[in-house]
Amino acid sequence: MIDTVPRFLNGAYAFTGQGYEAACLLHGSLVYVVPADKRAQLIYLRGGNSSAEMIVVSLMQDGRVARMFPVGAKAGTHVPLAVVEDLAPGTRVEVFVGAPAGVSGTAVIDVGLIEI
C-alpha cells in the first residue's frame, strides 16, 4: 500500500488586477514544492471571486501555466481534475490570478494535492 499525504493551498486573499495577460502570484503562501523523495498530483481546485468581473486563476508549474480556471463575477467554482498527472520531485506549484486592470476583490482559493 502506498501512503499518501494530502496537501492544501488555501485561504482568502485580496487582489488588484493588472490585466488578464499580466497574472501574478496571488499570495506568497500559495506555493508548494514537491519534496525530493515524493511525487504529487493536483486533485481539485475550488475558487471564489468577490469582484464584479471575471478572474482567471492559473496553476503554474515551474513558471509555466499548467491549468487555467475562469471564476465568474461574484461567483465560485469547484473543479475536480479528471486528468491527473504526476508532478516530479522539486516541481514548484504556484497560484496566480489575473483580472482586468484596476479591478479589486478577494479570491478564495482551495487547491488540493496528494503527495505519493
PDB file of N, CA and C in Angstrom:
ATOM      1  N   MET A   1       0.841  -1.180   0.000  1.00  0.00           N
ATOM      2  CA  MET A   1       0.000   0.000   0.000  1.00  0.00           C
ATOM      3  C   MET A   1       0.892   1.250   0.000  1.00  0.00           C
ATOM      4  N   ILE A   2       0.535   2.210  -0.805  1.00  0.00           N
ATOM      5  CA  ILE A   2       1.269   3.464  -0.890  1.00  0.00           C
ATOM      6  C   ILE A   2       0.626   4.475   0.053  1.00  0.00           C
ATOM      7  N   ASP A   3       1.458   5.042   0.919  1.00  0.00           N
ATOM      8  CA  ASP A   3       0.960   6.088   1.808  1.00  0.00           C
ATOM      9  C   ASP A   3       0.860   7.397   1.035  1.00  0.00           C
ATOM     10  N   THR A   4      -0.273   8.042   1.147  1.00  0.00           N
ATOM     11  CA  THR A   4      -0.451   9.354   0.526  1.00  0.00           C
ATOM     12  C   THR A   4      -0.690  10.386   1.622  1.00  0.00           C
ATOM     13  N   VAL A   5      -0.262  11.591   1.346  1.00  0.00           N
ATOM     14  CA  VAL A   5      -0.433  12.689   2.294  1.00  0.00           C
ATOM     15  C   VAL A   5      -1.123  13.836   1.567  1.00  0.00           C
ATOM     16  N   PRO A   6      -2.279  14.286   2.072  1.00  0.00           N
ATOM     17  CA  PRO A   6      -2.944  15.427   1.431  1.00  0.00           C
ATOM     18  C   PRO A   6      -2.211  16.731   1.762  1.00  0.00           C
ATOM     19  N   ARG A   7      -2.156  17.612   0.789  1.00  0.00           N
ATOM     20  CA  ARG A   7      -1.588  18.955   0.959  1.00  0.00           C
ATOM     21  C   ARG A   7      -2.583  19.953   0.377  1.00  0.00           C
ATOM     22  N   PHE A   8      -2.656  21.129   0.974  1.00  0.00           N
ATOM     23  CA  PHE A   8      -3.624  22.124   0.544  1.00  0.00           C
ATOM     24  C   PHE A   8      -2.972  23.493   0.439  1.00  0.00           C
ATOM     25  N   LEU A   9      -3.371  24.228  -0.566  1.00  0.00           N
ATOM     26  CA  LEU A   9      -3.048  25.644  -0.698  1.00  0.00           C
ATOM     27  C   LEU A   9      -4.386  26.349  -0.594  1.00  0.00           C
ATOM     28  N   ASN A  10      -4.607  27.112   0.473  1.00  0.00           N
ATOM     29  CA  ASN A  10      -5.930  27.717   0.614  1.00  0.00           C
ATOM     30  C   ASN A  10      -5.896  28.991   1.436  1.00  0.00           C
ATOM     31  N   GLY A  11      -6.970  29.743   1.294  1.00  0.00           N
ATOM     32  CA  GLY A  11      -7.152  30.984   2.034  1.00  0.00           C
ATOM     33  C   GLY A  11      -7.927  31.993   1.215  1.00  0.00           C
ATOM     34  N   ALA A  12      -8.167  33.140   1.809  1.00  0.00           N
ATOM     35  CA  ALA A  12      -8.846  34.252   1.144  1.00  0.00           C
ATOM     36  C   ALA A  12      -7.845  35.396   1.030  1.00  0.00           C
ATOM     37  N   TYR A  13      -7.666  35.901  -0.203  1.00  0.00           N
ATOM     38  CA  TYR A  13      -6.611  36.878  -0.468  1.00  0.00           C
ATOM     39  C   TYR A  13      -7.125  38.017  -1.331  1.00  0.00           C
ATOM     40  N   ALA A  14      -6.789  39.245  -0.932  1.00  0.00           N
ATOM     41  CA  ALA A  14      -7.152  40.425  -1.714  1.00  0.00           C
ATOM     42  C   ALA A  14      -6.269  40.500  -2.957  1.00  0.00           C
ATOM     43  N   PHE A  15      -6.824  41.013  -4.029  1.00  0.00           N
ATOM     44  CA  PHE A  15      -6.063  41.206  -5.266  1.00  0.00           C
ATOM     45  C   PHE A  15      -6.498  42.496  -5.935  1.00  0.00           C
ATOM     46  N   THR A  16      -5.629  43.035  -6.768  1.00  0.00           N
ATOM     47  CA  THR A  16      -5.949  44.130  -7.670  1.00  0.00           C
ATOM     48  C   THR A  16      -5.434  43.720  -9.035  1.00  0.00           C
ATOM     49  N   GLY A  17      -6.322  43.674 -10.001  1.00  0.00           N
ATOM     50  CA  GLY A  17      -5.959  43.204 -11.332  1.00  0.00           C
ATOM     51  C   GLY A  17      -5.006  44.130 -12.067  1.00  0.00           C
ATOM     52  N   GLN A  18      -4.178  43.499 -12.898  1.00  0.00           N
ATOM     53  CA  GLN A  18      -3.258  44.233 -13.758  1.00  0.00           C
ATOM     54  C   GLN A  18      -3.450  43.803 -15.213  1.00  0.00           C
ATOM     55  N   GLY A  19      -4.567  43.124 -15.475  1.00  0.00           N
ATOM     56  CA  GLY A  19      -4.856  42.605 -16.809  1.00  0.00           C
ATOM     57  C   GLY A  19      -4.801  41.085 -16.804  1.00  0.00           C
ATOM     58  N   TYR A  20      -5.623  40.477 -17.637  1.00  0.00           N
ATOM     59  CA  TYR A  20      -5.632  39.009 -17.701  1.00  0.00           C
ATOM     60  C   TYR A  20      -4.282  38.459 -18.135  1.00  0.00           C
ATOM     61  N   GLU A  21      -3.620  39.160 -19.035  1.00  0.00           N
ATOM     62  CA  GLU A  21      -2.335  38.678 -19.544  1.00  0.00           C
ATOM     63  C   GLU A  21      -1.180  39.007 -18.598  1.00  0.00           C
ATOM     64  N   ALA A  22      -1.451  39.679 -17.501  1.00  0.00           N
ATOM     65  CA  ALA A  22      -0.420  40.044 -16.529  1.00  0.00           C
ATOM     66  C   ALA A  22      -0.714  39.386 -15.175  1.00  0.00           C
ATOM     67  N   ALA A  23      -1.097  38.125 -15.208  1.00  0.00           N
ATOM     68  CA  ALA A  23      -1.389  37.402 -13.968  1.00  0.00           C
ATOM     69  C   ALA A  23      -0.144  37.371 -13.092  1.00  0.00           C
ATOM     70  N   CYS A  24      -0.360  37.362 -11.767  1.00  0.00           N
ATOM     71  CA  CYS A  24       0.766  37.335 -10.841  1.00  0.00           C
ATOM     72  C   CYS A  24       0.419  36.452  -9.646  1.00  0.00           C
ATOM     73  N   LEU A  25       1.442  36.107  -8.885  1.00  0.00           N
ATOM     74  CA  LEU A  25       1.268  35.281  -7.690  1.00  0.00           C
ATOM     75  C   LEU A  25       0.239  35.939  -6.776  1.00  0.00           C
ATOM     76  N   LEU A  26      -0.785  35.198  -6.405  1.00  0.00           N
ATOM     77  CA  LEU A  26      -1.850  35.753  -5.572  1.00  0.00           C
ATOM     78  C   LEU A  26      -1.349  36.050  -4.161  1.00  0.00           C
ATOM     79  N   HIS A  27      -0.573  35.135  -3.587  1.00  0.00           N
ATOM     80  CA  HIS A  27      -0.043  35.333  -2.245  1.00  0.00           C
ATOM     81  C   HIS A  27       1.142  34.383  -2.054  1.00  0.00           C
ATOM     82  N   GLY A  28       2.132  34.811  -1.305  1.00  0.00           N
ATOM     83  CA  GLY A  28       3.335  34.010  -1.088  1.00  0.00           C
ATOM     84  C   GLY A  28       3.094  32.666  -0.423  1.00  0.00           C
ATOM     85  N   SER A  29       1.964  32.515   0.279  1.00  0.00           N
ATOM     86  CA  SER A  29       1.664  31.238   0.924  1.00  0.00           C
ATOM     87  C   SER A  29       1.063  30.217  -0.046  1.00  0.00           C
ATOM     88  N   LEU A  30       0.755  30.650  -1.272  1.00  0.00           N
ATOM     89  CA  LEU A  30       0.145  29.752  -2.260  1.00  0.00           C
ATOM     90  C   LEU A  30       1.211  29.151  -3.175  1.00  0.00           C
ATOM     91  N   VAL A  31       2.253  28.618  -2.538  1.00  0.00           N
ATOM     92  CA  VAL A  31       3.364  27.987  -3.246  1.00  0.00           C
ATOM     93  C   VAL A  31       3.604  26.628  -2.598  1.00  0.00           C
ATOM     94  N   TYR A  32       3.798  25.612  -3.431  1.00  0.00           N
ATOM     95  CA  TYR A  32       4.092  24.259  -2.952  1.00  0.00           C
ATOM     96  C   TYR A  32       5.214  23.689  -3.804  1.00  0.00           C
ATOM     97  N   VAL A  33       6.198  23.088  -3.160  1.00  0.00           N
ATOM     98  CA  VAL A  33       7.291  22.431  -3.864  1.00  0.00           C
ATOM     99  C   VAL A  33       7.246  20.951  -3.493  1.00  0.00           C
ATOM    100  N   VAL A  34       7.191  20.090  -4.505  1.00  0.00           N
ATOM    101  CA  VAL A  34       7.148  18.653  -4.267  1.00  0.00           C
ATOM    102  C   VAL A  34       8.457  18.236  -3.588  1.00  0.00           C
ATOM    103  N   PRO A  35       8.367  17.540  -2.444  1.00  0.00           N
ATOM    104  CA  PRO A  35       9.585  17.105  -1.761  1.00  0.00           C
ATOM    105  C   PRO A  35      10.455  16.214  -2.661  1.00  0.00           C
ATOM    106  N   ALA A  36      11.756  16.213  -2.363  1.00  0.00           N
ATOM    107  CA  ALA A  36      12.728  15.490  -3.194  1.00  0.00           C
ATOM    108  C   ALA A  36      12.474  13.995  -3.248  1.00  0.00           C
ATOM    109  N   ASP A  37      11.848  13.438  -2.230  1.00  0.00           N
ATOM    110  CA  ASP A  37      11.616  11.988  -2.190  1.00  0.00           C
ATOM    111  C   ASP A  37      10.163  11.604  -2.489  1.00  0.00           C
ATOM    112  N   LYS A  38       9.389  12.525  -3.056  1.00  0.00           N
ATOM    113  CA  LYS A  38       7.965  12.281  -3.316  1.00  0.00           C
ATOM    114  C   LYS A  38       7.595  12.670  -4.739  1.00  0.00           C
ATOM    115  N   ARG A  39       6.402  12.280  -5.122  1.00  0.00           N
ATOM    116  CA  ARG A  39       5.717  12.796  -6.299  1.00  0.00           C
ATOM    117  C   ARG A  39       4.419  13.390  -5.766  1.00  0.00           C
ATOM    118  N   ALA A  40       3.746  14.179  -6.570  1.00  0.00           N
ATOM    119  CA  ALA A  40       2.473  14.758  -6.135  1.00  0.00           C
ATOM    120  C   ALA A  40       1.510  14.815  -7.312  1.00  0.00           C
ATOM    121  N   GLN A  41       0.236  14.964  -6.997  1.00  0.00           N
ATOM    122  CA  GLN A  41      -0.797  15.119  -8.020  1.00  0.00           C
ATOM    123  C   GLN A  41      -1.762  16.213  -7.580  1.00  0.00           C
ATOM    124  N   LEU A  42      -2.144  17.067  -8.532  1.00  0.00           N
ATOM    125  CA  LEU A  42      -3.199  18.059  -8.287  1.00  0.00           C
ATOM    126  C   LEU A  42      -4.528  17.330  -8.410  1.00  0.00           C
ATOM    127  N   ILE A  43      -5.373  17.447  -7.406  1.00  0.00           N
ATOM    128  CA  ILE A  43      -6.638  16.715  -7.388  1.00  0.00           C
ATOM    129  C   ILE A  43      -7.836  17.619  -7.700  1.00  0.00           C
ATOM    130  N   TYR A  44      -7.851  18.823  -7.139  1.00  0.00           N
ATOM    131  CA  TYR A  44      -9.001  19.706  -7.366  1.00  0.00           C
ATOM    132  C   TYR A  44      -8.628  21.157  -7.136  1.00  0.00           C
ATOM    133  N   LEU A  45      -9.496  22.036  -7.613  1.00  0.00           N
ATOM    134  CA  LEU A  45      -9.418  23.465  -7.317  1.00  0.00           C
ATOM    135  C   LEU A  45     -10.820  23.954  -7.004  1.00  0.00           C
ATOM    136  N   ARG A  46     -10.935  24.690  -5.916  1.00  0.00           N
ATOM    137  CA  ARG A  46     -12.156  25.435  -5.609  1.00  0.00           C
ATOM    138  C   ARG A  46     -11.750  26.895  -5.570  1.00  0.00           C
ATOM    139  N   GLY A  47     -12.564  27.732  -6.158  1.00  0.00           N
ATOM    140  CA  GLY A  47     -12.238  29.147  -6.155  1.00  0.00           C
ATOM    141  C   GLY A  47     -13.479  30.000  -6.050  1.00  0.00           C
ATOM    142  N   GLY A  48     -13.345  31.126  -5.390  1.00  0.00           N
ATOM    143  CA  GLY A  48     -14.416  32.102  -5.294  1.00  0.00           C
ATOM    144  C   GLY A  48     -13.868  33.475  -5.629  1.00  0.00           C
ATOM    145  N   ASN A  49     -14.744  34.344  -6.096  1.00  0.00           N
ATOM    146  CA  ASN A  49     -14.346  35.670  -6.567  1.00  0.00           C
ATOM    147  C   ASN A  49     -15.379  36.685  -6.094  1.00  0.00           C
ATOM    148  N   SER A  50     -14.950  37.649  -5.288  1.00  0.00           N
ATOM    149  CA  SER A  50     -15.886  38.660  -4.779  1.00  0.00           C
ATOM    150  C   SER A  50     -16.060  39.842  -5.716  1.00  0.00           C
ATOM    151  N   SER A  51     -15.214  39.961  -6.738  1.00  0.00           N
ATOM    152  CA  SER A  51     -15.266  41.153  -7.592  1.00  0.00           C
ATOM    153  C   SER A  51     -16.420  41.099  -8.589  1.00  0.00           C
ATOM    154  N   ALA A  52     -16.677  42.225  -9.218  1.00  0.00           N
ATOM    155  CA  ALA A  52     -17.755  42.339 -10.198  1.00  0.00           C
ATOM    156  C   ALA A  52     -17.295  41.940 -11.608  1.00  0.00           C
ATOM    157  N   GLU A  53     -16.083  41.415 -11.739  1.00  0.00           N
ATOM    158  CA  GLU A  53     -15.547  40.978 -13.034  1.00  0.00           C
ATOM    159  C   GLU A  53     -15.010  39.555 -12.916  1.00  0.00           C
ATOM    160  N   MET A  54     -14.973  38.841 -14.035  1.00  0.00           N
ATOM    161  CA  MET A  54     -14.383  37.517 -14.052  1.00  0.00           C
ATOM    162  C   MET A  54     -12.889  37.614 -13.752  1.00  0.00           C
ATOM    163  N   ILE A  55     -12.371  36.622 -13.015  1.00  0.00           N
ATOM    164  CA  ILE A  55     -10.935  36.497 -12.814  1.00  0.00           C
ATOM    165  C   ILE A  55     -10.483  35.159 -13.401  1.00  0.00           C
ATOM    166  N   VAL A  56      -9.183  35.014 -13.587  1.00  0.00           N
ATOM    167  CA  VAL A  56      -8.626  33.741 -14.037  1.00  0.00           C
ATOM    168  C   VAL A  56      -7.591  33.296 -13.018  1.00  0.00           C
ATOM    169  N   VAL A  57      -7.822  32.119 -12.442  1.00  0.00           N
ATOM    170  CA  VAL A  57      -6.872  31.515 -11.519  1.00  0.00           C
ATOM    171  C   VAL A  57      -6.026  30.547 -12.337  1.00  0.00           C
ATOM    172  N   SER A  58      -4.713  30.729 -12.288  1.00  0.00           N
ATOM    173  CA  SER A  58      -3.799  29.868 -13.041  1.00  0.00           C
ATOM    174  C   SER A  58      -2.926  29.091 -12.073  1.00  0.00           C
ATOM    175  N   LEU A  59      -2.859  27.784 -12.291  1.00  0.00           N
ATOM    176  CA  LEU A  59      -1.916  26.963 -11.548  1.00  0.00           C
ATOM    177  C   LEU A  59      -0.649  26.880 -12.387  1.00  0.00           C
ATOM    178  N   MET A  60       0.424  27.381 -11.823  1.00  0.00           N
ATOM    179  CA  MET A  60       1.710  27.424 -12.508  1.00  0.00           C
ATOM    180  C   MET A  60       2.566  26.260 -12.032  1.00  0.00           C
ATOM    181  N   GLN A  61       3.310  25.674 -12.960  1.00  0.00           N
ATOM    182  CA  GLN A  61       4.281  24.636 -12.608  1.00  0.00           C
ATOM    183  C   GLN A  61       5.626  25.062 -13.157  1.00  0.00           C
ATOM    184  N   ASP A  62       6.557  25.304 -12.250  1.00  0.00           N
ATOM    185  CA  ASP A  62       7.902  25.730 -12.625  1.00  0.00           C
ATOM    186  C   ASP A  62       7.881  26.917 -13.583  1.00  0.00           C
ATOM    187  N   GLY A  63       7.010  27.900 -13.279  1.00  0.00           N
ATOM    188  CA  GLY A  63       6.971  29.142 -14.043  1.00  0.00           C
ATOM    189  C   GLY A  63       6.143  29.115 -15.317  1.00  0.00           C
ATOM    190  N   ARG A  64       5.504  27.980 -15.599  1.00  0.00           N
ATOM    191  CA  ARG A  64       4.662  27.886 -16.808  1.00  0.00           C
ATOM    192  C   ARG A  64       3.227  27.549 -16.416  1.00  0.00           C
ATOM    193  N   VAL A  65       2.287  28.051 -17.189  1.00  0.00           N
ATOM    194  CA  VAL A  65       0.878  27.775 -16.918  1.00  0.00           C
ATOM    195  C   VAL A  65       0.596  26.296 -17.159  1.00  0.00           C
ATOM    196  N   ALA A  66       0.046  25.628 -16.131  1.00  0.00           N
ATOM    197  CA  ALA A  66      -0.342  24.228 -16.249  1.00  0.00           C
ATOM    198  C   ALA A  66      -1.852  24.102 -16.446  1.00  0.00           C
ATOM    199  N   ARG A  67      -2.616  24.878 -15.700  1.00  0.00           N
ATOM    200  CA  ARG A  67      -4.074  24.862 -15.777  1.00  0.00           C
ATOM    201  C   ARG A  67      -4.595  26.266 -15.552  1.00  0.00           C
ATOM    202  N   MET A  68      -5.705  26.582 -16.220  1.00  0.00           N
ATOM    203  CA  MET A  68      -6.361  27.883 -16.042  1.00  0.00           C
ATOM    204  C   MET A  68      -7.828  27.651 -15.706  1.00  0.00           C
ATOM    205  N   PHE A  69      -8.328  28.424 -14.735  1.00  0.00           N
ATOM    206  CA  PHE A  69      -9.702  28.290 -14.280  1.00  0.00           C
ATOM    207  C   PHE A  69     -10.365  29.661 -14.238  1.00  0.00           C
ATOM    208  N   PRO A  70     -11.312  29.944 -15.134  1.00  0.00           N
ATOM    209  CA  PRO A  70     -12.058  31.200 -15.021  1.00  0.00           C
ATOM    210  C   PRO A  70     -13.033  31.100 -13.852  1.00  0.00           C
ATOM    211  N   VAL A  71     -13.124  32.172 -13.092  1.00  0.00           N
ATOM    212  CA  VAL A  71     -14.072  32.236 -11.981  1.00  0.00           C
ATOM    213  C   VAL A  71     -14.925  33.472 -12.230  1.00  0.00           C
ATOM    214  N   GLY A  72     -16.212  33.264 -12.395  1.00  0.00           N
ATOM    215  CA  GLY A  72     -17.131  34.337 -12.749  1.00  0.00           C
ATOM    216  C   GLY A  72     -17.226  35.437 -11.706  1.00  0.00           C
ATOM    217  N   ALA A  73     -17.806  36.556 -12.116  1.00  0.00           N
ATOM    218  CA  ALA A  73     -18.028  37.694 -11.230  1.00  0.00           C
ATOM    219  C   ALA A  73     -18.926  37.273 -10.079  1.00  0.00           C
ATOM    220  N   LYS A  74     -18.487  37.577  -8.861  1.00  0.00           N
ATOM    221  CA  LYS A  74     -19.251  37.253  -7.652  1.00  0.00           C
ATOM    222  C   LYS A  74     -19.734  35.806  -7.677  1.00  0.00           C
ATOM    223  N   ALA A  75     -18.815  34.917  -8.017  1.00  0.00           N
ATOM    224  CA  ALA A  75     -19.178  33.505  -8.180  1.00  0.00           C
ATOM    225  C   ALA A  75     -18.063  32.611  -7.647  1.00  0.00           C
ATOM    226  N   GLY A  76     -18.341  31.331  -7.706  1.00  0.00           N
ATOM    227  CA  GLY A  76     -17.367  30.344  -7.289  1.00  0.00           C
ATOM    228  C   GLY A  76     -17.380  29.163  -8.239  1.00  0.00           C
ATOM    229  N   THR A  77     -16.369  28.323  -8.118  1.00  0.00           N
ATOM    230  CA  THR A  77     -16.279  27.143  -8.962  1.00  0.00           C
ATOM    231  C   THR A  77     -15.606  26.021  -8.188  1.00  0.00           C
ATOM    232  N   HIS A  78     -15.951  24.787  -8.525  1.00  0.00           N
ATOM    233  CA  HIS A  78     -15.284  23.605  -7.982  1.00  0.00           C
ATOM    234  C   HIS A  78     -14.961  22.714  -9.163  1.00  0.00           C
ATOM    235  N   VAL A  79     -13.676  22.431  -9.347  1.00  0.00           N
ATOM    236  CA  VAL A  79     -13.236  21.644 -10.487  1.00  0.00           C
ATOM    237  C   VAL A  79     -12.448  20.439  -9.988  1.00  0.00           C
ATOM    238  N   PRO A  80     -13.088  19.254  -9.973  1.00  0.00           N
ATOM    239  CA  PRO A  80     -12.307  18.047  -9.699  1.00  0.00           C
ATOM    240  C   PRO A  80     -11.544  17.712 -10.981  1.00  0.00           C
ATOM    241  N   LEU A  81     -10.254  17.515 -10.884  1.00  0.00           N
ATOM    242  CA  LEU A  81      -9.452  17.317 -12.088  1.00  0.00           C
ATOM    243  C   LEU A  81      -9.574  15.874 -12.570  1.00  0.00           C
ATOM    244  N   ALA A  82     -10.065  15.715 -13.786  1.00  0.00           N
ATOM    245  CA  ALA A  82     -10.237  14.388 -14.378  1.00  0.00           C
ATOM    246  C   ALA A  82      -8.923  13.871 -14.944  1.00  0.00           C
ATOM    247  N   VAL A  83      -8.077  14.754 -15.421  1.00  0.00           N
ATOM    248  CA  VAL A  83      -6.758  14.373 -15.922  1.00  0.00           C
ATOM    249  C   VAL A  83      -5.755  14.732 -14.829  1.00  0.00           C
ATOM    250  N   VAL A  84      -5.197  13.708 -14.213  1.00  0.00           N
ATOM    251  CA  VAL A  84      -4.271  13.906 -13.098  1.00  0.00           C
ATOM    252  C   VAL A  84      -2.896  13.408 -13.528  1.00  0.00           C
ATOM    253  N   GLU A  85      -1.920  14.305 -13.442  1.00  0.00           N
ATOM    254  CA  GLU A  85      -0.555  13.988 -13.856  1.00  0.00           C
ATOM    255  C   GLU A  85       0.356  13.979 -12.633  1.00  0.00           C
ATOM    256  N   ASP A  86       1.371  13.133 -12.675  1.00  0.00           N
ATOM    257  CA  ASP A  86       2.362  13.137 -11.611  1.00  0.00           C
ATOM    258  C   ASP A  86       3.238  14.380 -11.728  1.00  0.00           C
ATOM    259  N   LEU A  87       3.485  15.005 -10.601  1.00  0.00           N
ATOM    260  CA  LEU A  87       4.420  16.127 -10.525  1.00  0.00           C
ATOM    261  C   LEU A  87       5.719  15.577  -9.958  1.00  0.00           C
ATOM    262  N   ALA A  88       6.798  15.780 -10.658  1.00  0.00           N
ATOM    263  CA  ALA A  88       8.101  15.238 -10.277  1.00  0.00           C
ATOM    264  C   ALA A  88       8.644  15.921  -9.023  1.00  0.00           C
ATOM    265  N   PRO A  89       9.554  15.243  -8.319  1.00  0.00           N
ATOM    266  CA  PRO A  89      10.209  15.885  -7.170  1.00  0.00           C
ATOM    267  C   PRO A  89      10.819  17.224  -7.580  1.00  0.00           C
ATOM    268  N   GLY A  90      10.656  18.214  -6.712  1.00  0.00           N
ATOM    269  CA  GLY A  90      11.204  19.541  -6.973  1.00  0.00           C
ATOM    270  C   GLY A  90      10.310  20.462  -7.779  1.00  0.00           C
ATOM    271  N   THR A  91       9.198  19.943  -8.322  1.00  0.00           N
ATOM    272  CA  THR A  91       8.280  20.793  -9.087  1.00  0.00           C
ATOM    273  C   THR A  91       7.686  21.861  -8.179  1.00  0.00           C
ATOM    274  N   ARG A  92       7.699  23.090  -8.648  1.00  0.00           N
ATOM    275  CA  ARG A  92       7.152  24.232  -7.894  1.00  0.00           C
ATOM    276  C   ARG A  92       5.777  24.558  -8.451  1.00  0.00           C
ATOM    277  N   VAL A  93       4.763  24.549  -7.592  1.00  0.00           N
ATOM    278  CA  VAL A  93       3.384  24.876  -7.964  1.00  0.00           C
ATOM    279  C   VAL A  93       3.029  26.201  -7.293  1.00  0.00           C
ATOM    280  N   GLU A  94       2.470  27.133  -8.088  1.00  0.00           N
ATOM    281  CA  GLU A  94       2.072  28.445  -7.571  1.00  0.00           C
ATOM    282  C   GLU A  94       0.673  28.780  -8.086  1.00  0.00           C
ATOM    283  N   VAL A  95      -0.057  29.567  -7.308  1.00  0.00           N
ATOM    284  CA  VAL A  95      -1.391  30.017  -7.697  1.00  0.00           C
ATOM    285  C   VAL A  95      -1.307  31.485  -8.103  1.00  0.00           C
ATOM    286  N   PHE A  96      -1.584  31.746  -9.373  1.00  0.00           N
ATOM    287  CA  PHE A  96      -1.590  33.108  -9.917  1.00  0.00           C
ATOM    288  C   PHE A  96      -3.031  33.544 -10.154  1.00  0.00           C
ATOM    289  N   VAL A  97      -3.242  34.857 -10.200  1.00  0.00           N
ATOM    290  CA  VAL A  97      -4.559  35.385 -10.548  1.00  0.00           C
ATOM    291  C   VAL A  97      -4.389  36.509 -11.566  1.00  0.00           C
ATOM    292  N   GLY A  98      -5.301  36.529 -12.519  1.00  0.00           N
ATOM    293  CA  GLY A  98      -5.375  37.603 -13.498  1.00  0.00           C
ATOM    294  C   GLY A  98      -6.769  38.206 -13.464  1.00  0.00           C
ATOM    295  N   ALA A  99      -6.832  39.521 -13.565  1.00  0.00           N
ATOM    296  CA  ALA A  99      -8.114  40.237 -13.544  1.00  0.00           C
ATOM    297  C   ALA A  99      -7.941  41.519 -14.351  1.00  0.00           C
ATOM    298  N   PRO A 100      -9.053  42.094 -14.823  1.00  0.00           N
ATOM    299  CA  PRO A 100      -8.942  43.353 -15.557  1.00  0.00           C
ATOM    300  C   PRO A 100      -8.200  44.408 -14.732  1.00  0.00           C
ATOM    301  N   ALA A 101      -7.452  45.245 -15.410  1.00  0.00           N
ATOM    302  CA  ALA A 101      -6.664  46.286 -14.741  1.00  0.00           C
ATOM    303  C   ALA A 101      -7.537  47.125 -13.818  1.00  0.00           C
ATOM    304  N   GLY A 102      -7.081  47.280 -12.586  1.00  0.00           N
ATOM    305  CA  GLY A 102      -7.766  48.117 -11.608  1.00  0.00           C
ATOM    306  C   GLY A 102      -8.877  47.450 -10.836  1.00  0.00           C
ATOM    307  N   VAL A 103      -9.313  46.272 -11.230  1.00  0.00           N
ATOM    308  CA  VAL A 103     -10.386  45.572 -10.526  1.00  0.00           C
ATOM    309  C   VAL A 103      -9.832  44.983  -9.233  1.00  0.00           C
ATOM    310  N   SER A 104     -10.504  45.264  -8.123  1.00  0.00           N
ATOM    311  CA  SER A 104     -10.093  44.741  -6.823  1.00  0.00           C
ATOM    312  C   SER A 104     -11.149  43.805  -6.275  1.00  0.00           C
ATOM    313  N   GLY A 105     -10.698  42.878  -5.472  1.00  0.00           N
ATOM    314  CA  GLY A 105     -11.618  41.949  -4.842  1.00  0.00           C
ATOM    315  C   GLY A 105     -10.854  40.988  -3.958  1.00  0.00           C
ATOM    316  N   THR A 106     -11.551  39.944  -3.550  1.00  0.00           N
ATOM    317  CA  THR A 106     -10.961  38.873  -2.757  1.00  0.00           C
ATOM    318  C   THR A 106     -11.173  37.560  -3.491  1.00  0.00           C
ATOM    319  N   ALA A 107     -10.099  36.789  -3.601  1.00  0.00           N
ATOM    320  CA  ALA A 107     -10.193  35.451  -4.189  1.00  0.00           C
ATOM    321  C   ALA A 107     -10.086  34.440  -3.044  1.00  0.00           C
ATOM    322  N   VAL A 108     -11.029  33.527  -3.015  1.00  0.00           N
ATOM    323  CA  VAL A 108     -10.989  32.443  -2.047  1.00  0.00           C
ATOM    324  C   VAL A 108     -10.492  31.215  -2.798  1.00  0.00           C
ATOM    325  N   ILE A 109      -9.395  30.635  -2.337  1.00  0.00           N
ATOM    326  CA  ILE A 109      -8.715  29.570  -3.060  1.00  0.00           C
ATOM    327  C   ILE A 109      -8.593  28.333  -2.178  1.00  0.00           C
ATOM    328  N   ASP A 110      -8.845  27.165  -2.767  1.00  0.00           N
ATOM    329  CA  ASP A 110      -8.603  25.882  -2.101  1.00  0.00           C
ATOM    330  C   ASP A 110      -8.119  24.912  -3.178  1.00  0.00           C
ATOM    331  N   VAL A 111      -6.830  24.621  -3.160  1.00  0.00           N
ATOM    332  CA  VAL A 111      -6.229  23.685  -4.103  1.00  0.00           C
ATOM    333  C   VAL A 111      -5.832  22.448  -3.313  1.00  0.00           C
ATOM    334  N   GLY A 112      -6.283  21.271  -3.785  1.00  0.00           N
ATOM    335  CA  GLY A 112      -5.950  20.020  -3.128  1.00  0.00           C
ATOM    336  C   GLY A 112      -4.931  19.230  -3.927  1.00  0.00           C
ATOM    337  N   LEU A 113      -3.889  18.776  -3.239  1.00  0.00           N
ATOM    338  CA  LEU A 113      -2.859  17.937  -3.832  1.00  0.00           C
ATOM    339  C   LEU A 113      -2.691  16.690  -2.975  1.00  0.00           C
ATOM    340  N   ILE A 114      -2.132  15.661  -3.584  1.00  0.00           N
ATOM    341  CA  ILE A 114      -1.777  14.429  -2.872  1.00  0.00           C
ATOM    342  C   ILE A 114      -0.291  14.188  -3.096  1.00  0.00           C
ATOM    343  N   GLU A 115       0.440  13.954  -2.008  1.00  0.00           N
ATOM    344  CA  GLU A 115       1.837  13.527  -2.103  1.00  0.00           C
ATOM    345  C   GLU A 115       1.870  12.009  -2.084  1.00  0.00           C
ATOM    346  N   ILE A 116       2.654  11.452  -2.974  1.00  0.00           N
ATOM    347  CA  ILE A 116       2.761   9.991  -3.076  1.00  0.00           C
ATOM    348  C   ILE A 116       4.196   9.607  -2.754  1.00  0.00           C
TER     349      ILE A 116
END
